[in-house]
Amino acid sequence: MSSVGEIALRYQLQRGDFSLQVALQLPLSGITGIFGASGAGKTTLLRCIAGLEEAPGSELLVAGERWQDAISSRPAHAREIGYVFQEPRLFSHLDVRANIEYGMRRSPRREAAEFAAVIALLGIDKLLDRKPAELSGGEAQRVAIARALMRAPRFVLMDEPLASLDAARKSEILPYLERLHAESSIPIFYVSHNIDEICCLCDHLVVLDNGHVAASGELQSVLVRMDLPQVMGDAAGSILDGRIANFDANYSLSLLTFAGGELWLPGQLGNIGDRYRLRIRANDVSLSRKRPRDTTVLNLLDVVIEAVQDAPPATQLVRLLAGQQRLVARITRRSREELNLQPGDRVVAQVKAVAVRRPELGE
């Protein structure tokens, strides 16, 4: 049974050689990322939630309301859901305003003030009189998101909304997705195969593997799971959430503080006191038994080794505890043996300032 603050689902679906077998309880708040390789079942799961896939015998409860069970299933048009596809799917014969108002007609509860708020949130006020053919890929996707929001949905499903965009267009739309996260109370379920994208936007993470749930939980706790090859591959890493504490104008460096220490980052990243999320890749972290004296590395963190995992053929992944936050380092097996690094050891993690960054969304 789902509580008022969650969605509970159980889906069993067979399509040829592919089988979807998932059971999840997910929060109806923030952004939940659904991550996995191509063919893992991410889009199929979203289509099941939206009522676009027939899955007899499955169950869906939203905040305690039964939307689907073995006896009945609420049709897709009656589910209070906004859906954003990989492609914007705008009506080519309508201008932007009319495309968005189409969503309002499907939800008469929406008012003009809400229309204006959504337009401002997504920064599309100057696009209202244009036709879809006159929009960039990022602009068109923002219009598609606005149309979904104007349906007054209980939650929004986004199926790889950045997948068809190049790096420049991804960078264009990302700030609006972050703003939507910060300023809107509408829960979002966000499908992606890009771990950097997930790290930038999401609070909760579901990892799918061949139609099954490999992991589900708070974002950082899943990212540092050593037993998940899906997140411990070449892009293995972690996130840190902190606040901007200072800006050194002389060197153009910002100081970020978090529970486990502080980090200097290049550039002026925001205002003093602003929250800031970092993605630190395992390849960008090195370890030392002692605090080095003469080094170009600005960021030295006192950490404790929590776990070590083989990453064949030549490397190992090391999970580190910095205060209450975790990092992951990738080191060679030779380095580990020469330093005799073991769980429980206190060491120094070295992170170059130029390597500490927000997620990059390029291919």
Protein backbone atom coordinates (compact mmCIF):
# COMPACT_ATOMS: atom_id res chain seq x y z
CA MET A 1 0.00 0.00 0.00
CA SER A 2 1.42 3.41 -0.95
CA SER A 3 1.38 6.33 1.44
CA VAL A 4 0.23 9.84 0.52
CA GLY A 5 3.84 10.71 -0.24
CA GLU A 6 4.77 7.94 -2.63
CA ILE A 7 3.92 5.95 -5.72
CA ALA A 8 3.93 2.16 -5.43
CA LEU A 9 4.09 0.01 -8.55
CA ARG A 10 4.51 -3.57 -9.64
CA TYR A 11 4.78 -4.41 -13.32
CA GLN A 12 5.19 -7.71 -15.12
CA LEU A 13 5.38 -7.45 -18.87
CA GLN A 14 6.65 -9.80 -21.59
CA ARG A 15 7.53 -8.45 -25.04
CA GLY A 16 9.29 -11.08 -27.16
CA ASP A 17 12.61 -11.85 -25.52
CA PHE A 18 12.32 -8.87 -23.16
CA SER A 19 10.76 -9.19 -19.71
CA LEU A 20 9.98 -6.29 -17.38
CA GLN A 21 9.76 -7.41 -13.74
CA VAL A 22 9.80 -4.43 -11.36
CA ALA A 23 8.38 -3.61 -7.93
CA LEU A 24 9.11 -0.16 -6.52
CA GLN A 25 8.02 2.40 -3.94
CA LEU A 26 9.13 5.87 -5.03
CA PRO A 27 8.77 9.31 -3.44
CA LEU A 28 6.23 11.75 -4.85
CA SER A 29 8.70 14.58 -4.43
CA GLY A 30 11.77 15.92 -6.17
CA ILE A 31 13.24 14.21 -9.22
CA THR A 32 13.64 10.45 -9.42
CA GLY A 33 16.15 9.32 -12.02
CA ILE A 34 15.58 6.06 -13.88
CA PHE A 35 18.96 4.98 -15.22
CA GLY A 36 20.24 2.08 -17.25
CA ALA A 37 21.75 1.02 -20.54
CA SER A 38 19.80 0.99 -23.78
CA GLY A 39 17.25 -1.82 -23.62
CA ALA A 40 17.16 -1.93 -19.80
CA GLY A 41 13.42 -1.15 -19.76
CA LYS A 42 13.42 2.54 -18.84
CA THR A 43 10.97 3.76 -21.49
CA THR A 44 8.81 0.66 -21.09
CA LEU A 45 8.45 1.40 -17.38
CA LEU A 46 7.40 4.99 -18.07
CA ARG A 47 4.88 3.84 -20.67
CA CYS A 48 3.40 1.41 -18.14
CA ILE A 49 3.02 4.17 -15.55
CA ALA A 50 1.38 6.40 -18.17
CA GLY A 51 -1.07 3.65 -19.15
CA LEU A 52 0.35 3.40 -22.68
CA GLU A 53 1.39 -0.25 -22.26
CA GLU A 54 -1.00 -3.03 -21.37
CA ALA A 55 0.37 -4.96 -18.43
CA PRO A 56 -2.36 -7.27 -17.08
CA GLY A 57 -2.07 -8.19 -13.43
CA SER A 58 0.11 -5.21 -12.62
CA GLU A 59 -0.48 -2.64 -9.87
CA LEU A 60 -0.10 1.14 -9.59
CA LEU A 61 -1.00 3.17 -6.51
CA VAL A 62 -0.48 6.92 -6.44
CA ALA A 63 -0.62 8.54 -2.99
CA GLY A 64 -2.88 5.72 -1.83
CA GLU A 65 -5.21 5.92 -4.88
CA ARG A 66 -5.45 2.73 -6.90
CA TRP A 67 -4.87 3.52 -10.57
CA GLN A 68 -4.33 -0.05 -11.71
CA ASP A 69 -4.76 -3.58 -10.41
CA ALA A 70 -5.75 -7.03 -11.63
CA ILE A 71 -9.39 -5.95 -12.03
CA SER A 72 -9.24 -2.50 -13.59
CA SER A 73 -6.86 0.06 -15.05
CA ARG A 74 -7.39 3.80 -15.32
CA PRO A 75 -7.05 4.74 -19.01
CA ALA A 76 -4.12 6.87 -20.12
CA HIS A 77 -6.24 9.99 -20.76
CA ALA A 78 -7.65 9.83 -17.21
CA ARG A 79 -4.26 9.61 -15.50
CA GLU A 80 -3.18 13.00 -14.18
CA ILE A 81 0.27 12.77 -15.73
CA GLY A 82 2.40 15.06 -17.87
CA TYR A 83 4.59 13.24 -20.40
CA VAL A 84 7.67 14.73 -22.09
CA PHE A 85 9.08 12.55 -24.86
CA GLN A 86 12.57 12.46 -26.40
CA GLU A 87 11.19 14.53 -29.28
CA PRO A 88 9.04 17.58 -28.44
CA ARG A 89 6.04 16.39 -30.55
CA LEU A 90 4.61 19.89 -30.92
CA PHE A 91 1.73 20.62 -33.30
CA SER A 92 3.47 22.15 -36.31
CA HIS A 93 0.40 24.15 -37.43
CA LEU A 94 0.04 25.87 -34.03
CA ASP A 95 2.25 28.56 -32.54
CA VAL A 96 3.90 28.13 -29.15
CA ARG A 97 1.06 29.77 -27.23
CA ALA A 98 -1.55 27.50 -28.81
CA ASN A 99 0.59 24.40 -28.21
CA ILE A 100 0.80 25.24 -24.51
CA GLU A 101 -2.88 26.17 -24.28
CA TYR A 102 -3.69 22.74 -25.65
CA GLY A 103 -2.44 21.38 -22.33
CA MET A 104 -4.67 23.88 -20.50
CA ARG A 105 -7.77 22.69 -22.36
CA ARG A 106 -7.13 19.21 -21.04
CA SER A 107 -7.05 20.66 -17.53
CA PRO A 108 -9.64 23.44 -17.11
CA ARG A 109 -8.45 24.05 -13.53
CA ARG A 110 -5.46 25.95 -14.90
CA GLU A 111 -5.76 29.75 -14.84
CA ALA A 112 -4.06 32.60 -16.68
CA ALA A 113 -1.81 33.34 -13.70
CA GLU A 114 -0.51 29.77 -13.74
CA PHE A 115 0.10 30.04 -17.49
CA ALA A 116 2.22 33.14 -16.90
CA ALA A 117 4.13 31.45 -14.09
CA VAL A 118 5.02 28.42 -16.21
CA ILE A 119 6.07 30.65 -19.13
CA ALA A 120 8.35 32.65 -16.82
CA LEU A 121 9.75 29.53 -15.17
CA LEU A 122 10.86 28.09 -18.51
CA GLY A 123 11.90 31.40 -20.07
CA ILE A 124 9.75 31.12 -23.18
CA ASP A 125 7.81 34.40 -23.01
CA LYS A 126 9.49 35.68 -26.20
CA LEU A 127 8.67 32.50 -28.11
CA LEU A 128 4.87 32.50 -27.82
CA ASP A 129 4.16 33.74 -31.34
CA ARG A 130 6.63 31.43 -33.10
CA LYS A 131 5.84 28.18 -34.88
CA PRO A 132 7.72 24.99 -33.89
CA ALA A 133 9.80 25.13 -37.09
CA GLU A 134 11.28 28.42 -35.86
CA LEU A 135 12.52 26.98 -32.55
CA SER A 136 15.87 25.44 -31.62
CA GLY A 137 15.82 21.93 -30.20
CA GLY A 138 16.23 23.25 -26.66
CA GLU A 139 13.48 25.85 -27.10
CA ALA A 140 11.08 23.25 -28.51
CA GLN A 141 11.74 20.92 -25.59
CA ARG A 142 11.06 23.73 -23.09
CA VAL A 143 7.72 24.34 -24.84
CA ALA A 144 6.92 20.62 -24.57
CA ILE A 145 7.68 20.75 -20.84
CA ALA A 146 5.44 23.80 -20.43
CA ARG A 147 2.59 21.99 -22.21
CA ALA A 148 3.00 19.00 -19.87
CA LEU A 149 2.96 21.25 -16.78
CA MET A 150 -0.20 23.02 -17.91
CA ARG A 151 -2.10 19.76 -17.61
CA ALA A 152 -1.92 20.20 -13.81
CA PRO A 153 -0.33 16.77 -13.45
CA ARG A 154 0.16 14.85 -10.23
CA PHE A 155 3.64 14.12 -11.59
CA VAL A 156 5.59 14.41 -14.84
CA LEU A 157 7.30 11.62 -16.78
CA MET A 158 10.34 12.72 -18.81
CA ASP A 159 11.77 10.19 -21.27
CA GLU A 160 15.34 11.25 -22.07
CA PRO A 161 14.33 14.85 -22.90
CA LEU A 162 17.94 15.81 -23.69
CA ALA A 163 18.86 12.73 -25.72
CA SER A 164 18.20 14.27 -29.14
CA LEU A 165 20.06 17.52 -28.36
CA ASP A 166 23.70 18.33 -29.01
CA ALA A 167 25.97 19.51 -26.19
CA ALA A 168 25.20 23.20 -26.79
CA ARG A 169 21.42 22.67 -26.69
CA LYS A 170 21.74 20.48 -23.58
CA SER A 171 23.61 23.29 -21.85
CA GLU A 172 20.84 25.66 -22.96
CA ILE A 173 17.99 23.67 -21.43
CA LEU A 174 19.73 22.33 -18.31
CA PRO A 175 19.39 25.54 -16.22
CA TYR A 176 15.62 25.50 -16.83
CA LEU A 177 15.36 21.88 -15.66
CA GLU A 178 17.32 22.82 -12.54
CA ARG A 179 15.02 25.79 -12.01
CA LEU A 180 11.98 23.56 -12.44
CA HIS A 181 13.41 21.29 -9.77
CA ALA A 182 14.06 24.17 -7.39
CA GLU A 183 10.84 26.14 -7.86
CA SER A 184 8.16 23.58 -8.71
CA SER A 185 6.57 21.12 -6.30
CA ILE A 186 5.58 18.73 -9.10
CA PRO A 187 7.41 15.38 -8.82
CA ILE A 188 9.34 14.25 -11.91
CA PHE A 189 10.39 10.77 -13.00
CA TYR A 190 13.34 11.30 -15.31
CA VAL A 191 14.70 8.62 -17.66
CA SER A 192 18.29 8.86 -18.90
CA HIS A 193 21.26 6.71 -19.87
CA ASN A 194 23.61 9.63 -19.07
CA ILE A 195 24.94 9.38 -15.51
CA ASP A 196 26.20 12.99 -15.48
CA GLU A 197 22.70 14.19 -16.36
CA ILE A 198 21.25 12.09 -13.56
CA CYS A 199 23.81 13.42 -11.07
CA CYS A 200 23.02 17.01 -11.96
CA LEU A 201 19.26 16.85 -11.58
CA CYS A 202 18.07 13.96 -9.45
CA ASP A 203 17.44 13.28 -5.75
CA HIS A 204 16.53 9.59 -5.94
CA LEU A 205 17.85 6.94 -8.33
CA VAL A 206 16.50 3.71 -9.77
CA VAL A 207 18.95 1.56 -11.72
CA LEU A 208 17.40 -0.87 -14.20
CA ASP A 209 19.23 -3.83 -15.69
CA ASN A 210 17.61 -6.01 -18.34
CA GLY A 211 14.09 -5.28 -17.08
CA HIS A 212 14.88 -5.73 -13.39
CA VAL A 213 15.62 -3.29 -10.56
CA ALA A 214 19.32 -3.44 -9.73
CA ALA A 215 19.11 -0.67 -7.10
CA SER A 216 16.78 2.03 -5.79
CA GLY A 217 17.43 4.71 -3.20
CA GLU A 218 18.74 8.17 -2.42
CA LEU A 219 21.01 9.33 -5.26
CA GLN A 220 24.36 9.42 -3.49
CA SER A 221 23.81 6.15 -1.65
CA VAL A 222 23.23 4.36 -4.98
CA LEU A 223 26.11 6.12 -6.77
CA VAL A 224 28.68 4.82 -4.28
CA ARG A 225 27.41 1.21 -4.29
CA MET A 226 30.49 -0.86 -5.10
CA ASP A 227 28.42 -3.81 -6.33
CA LEU A 228 26.74 -1.94 -9.19
CA PRO A 229 28.65 -2.18 -12.48
CA GLN A 230 26.07 0.18 -14.02
CA VAL A 231 27.39 3.10 -11.92
CA MET A 232 30.92 1.87 -11.25
CA GLY A 233 32.12 1.81 -14.86
CA ASP A 234 34.29 4.37 -16.62
CA ALA A 235 32.10 7.22 -15.30
CA ALA A 236 32.21 6.07 -11.66
CA GLY A 237 32.10 8.89 -9.14
CA SER A 238 30.05 10.64 -6.51
CA ILE A 239 28.36 13.93 -5.77
CA LEU A 240 28.93 16.48 -3.03
CA ASP A 241 26.34 19.02 -1.94
CA GLY A 242 27.73 22.10 -0.27
CA ARG A 243 27.54 25.90 -0.07
CA ILE A 244 29.64 28.62 -1.60
CA ALA A 245 31.57 30.21 1.28
CA ASN A 246 33.94 32.61 -0.43
CA PHE A 247 35.25 33.93 -3.75
CA ASP A 248 38.91 34.82 -4.25
CA ALA A 249 38.78 37.43 -7.03
CA ASN A 250 42.56 37.55 -7.29
CA TYR A 251 42.74 33.91 -8.43
CA SER A 252 39.13 33.54 -9.63
CA LEU A 253 38.47 30.64 -7.27
CA SER A 254 35.31 29.83 -5.31
CA LEU A 255 35.42 28.05 -1.95
CA LEU A 256 32.80 25.38 -1.38
CA THR A 257 32.26 24.01 2.12
CA PHE A 258 30.55 20.73 2.97
CA ALA A 259 30.28 18.46 5.99
CA GLY A 260 33.59 16.74 5.21
CA GLY A 261 35.77 19.73 4.42
CA GLU A 262 36.19 22.36 1.74
CA LEU A 263 37.12 22.55 -1.92
CA TRP A 264 38.45 25.34 -4.14
CA LEU A 265 36.74 25.50 -7.53
CA PRO A 266 37.64 27.55 -10.60
CA GLY A 267 35.46 30.55 -11.47
CA GLN A 268 32.75 32.49 -9.67
CA LEU A 269 30.06 29.86 -9.29
CA GLY A 270 27.37 31.92 -7.58
CA ASN A 271 26.66 34.07 -4.57
CA ILE A 272 27.99 33.49 -1.06
CA GLY A 273 25.63 31.07 0.67
CA ASP A 274 24.29 29.49 -2.52
CA ARG A 275 23.94 25.72 -2.55
CA TYR A 276 26.10 23.98 -5.12
CA ARG A 277 26.32 20.36 -6.27
CA LEU A 278 29.54 18.84 -7.54
CA ARG A 279 30.23 15.69 -9.47
CA ILE A 280 33.65 14.25 -8.64
CA ARG A 281 34.72 11.38 -10.86
CA ALA A 282 36.72 8.52 -9.43
CA ASN A 283 39.44 9.07 -12.05
CA ASP A 284 40.02 12.59 -10.65
CA VAL A 285 40.81 11.49 -7.10
CA SER A 286 44.21 10.22 -5.95
CA LEU A 287 45.30 9.03 -2.51
CA SER A 288 48.31 9.65 -0.28
CA ARG A 289 49.39 8.24 3.06
CA LYS A 290 50.64 11.67 4.15
CA ARG A 291 49.56 15.21 3.43
CA PRO A 292 51.87 16.39 0.63
CA ARG A 293 53.76 19.65 1.20
CA ASP A 294 54.91 20.91 -2.20
CA THR A 295 52.05 20.17 -4.59
CA THR A 296 49.97 22.00 -7.18
CA VAL A 297 46.84 20.23 -5.92
CA LEU A 298 44.67 22.72 -3.99
CA ASN A 299 42.15 20.27 -2.57
CA LEU A 300 43.38 17.89 0.12
CA LEU A 301 40.69 16.06 2.10
CA ASP A 302 41.23 13.91 5.19
CA VAL A 303 39.26 10.73 4.53
CA VAL A 304 38.81 7.18 5.79
CA ILE A 305 38.87 4.19 3.43
CA GLU A 306 35.50 2.49 3.71
CA ALA A 307 35.69 -0.23 1.06
CA VAL A 308 37.81 -1.45 -1.85
CA GLN A 309 36.50 -3.15 -4.99
CA ASP A 310 38.39 -4.71 -7.90
CA ALA A 311 37.91 -2.96 -11.26
CA PRO A 312 39.78 -5.29 -13.63
CA PRO A 313 42.19 -5.52 -15.20
CA ALA A 314 44.54 -2.93 -13.69
CA THR A 315 42.55 -0.78 -11.25
CA GLN A 316 40.58 -0.83 -8.05
CA LEU A 317 37.80 1.44 -6.79
CA VAL A 318 38.12 2.84 -3.28
CA ARG A 319 35.15 4.28 -1.40
CA LEU A 320 36.10 7.07 0.96
CA LEU A 321 34.32 8.74 3.85
CA ALA A 322 34.82 12.51 4.20
CA GLY A 323 32.79 13.52 7.24
CA GLN A 324 29.34 12.19 6.40
CA GLN A 325 29.82 12.33 2.63
CA ARG A 326 31.40 9.73 0.38
CA LEU A 327 33.84 9.90 -2.50
CA VAL A 328 35.13 7.25 -4.86
CA ALA A 329 38.72 7.02 -6.13
CA ARG A 330 40.07 4.84 -8.92
CA ILE A 331 43.66 3.72 -8.33
CA THR A 332 45.90 1.03 -9.80
CA ARG A 333 46.27 -2.30 -8.05
CA ARG A 334 50.00 -1.63 -7.92
CA SER A 335 49.48 1.66 -6.06
CA ARG A 336 47.18 0.02 -3.55
CA GLU A 337 49.69 -2.75 -2.85
CA GLU A 338 52.65 -0.37 -2.59
CA LEU A 339 50.77 1.84 -0.08
CA ASN A 340 49.12 -1.19 1.56
CA LEU A 341 45.77 0.59 1.61
CA GLN A 342 43.12 -1.16 3.70
CA PRO A 343 39.56 -0.40 4.85
CA GLY A 344 39.71 1.72 8.01
CA ASP A 345 42.93 3.49 7.04
CA ARG A 346 43.06 7.28 7.31
CA VAL A 347 44.50 8.81 4.15
CA VAL A 348 44.47 12.07 2.19
CA ALA A 349 42.35 12.41 -0.95
CA GLN A 350 43.75 14.79 -3.55
CA VAL A 351 41.35 16.40 -6.00
CA LYS A 352 42.59 18.91 -8.57
CA ALA A 353 40.49 22.08 -8.64
CA VAL A 354 40.18 21.89 -12.43
CA ALA A 355 38.77 18.38 -12.11
CA VAL A 356 36.01 19.28 -9.64
CA ARG A 357 33.00 20.35 -11.67
CA ARG A 358 29.32 20.27 -12.21
CA PRO A 359 28.17 17.42 -14.46
CA GLU A 360 29.04 17.77 -18.12
CA LEU A 361 26.23 16.81 -20.46
CA GLY A 362 28.13 16.32 -23.70
CA GLU A 363 28.32 12.95 -25.32
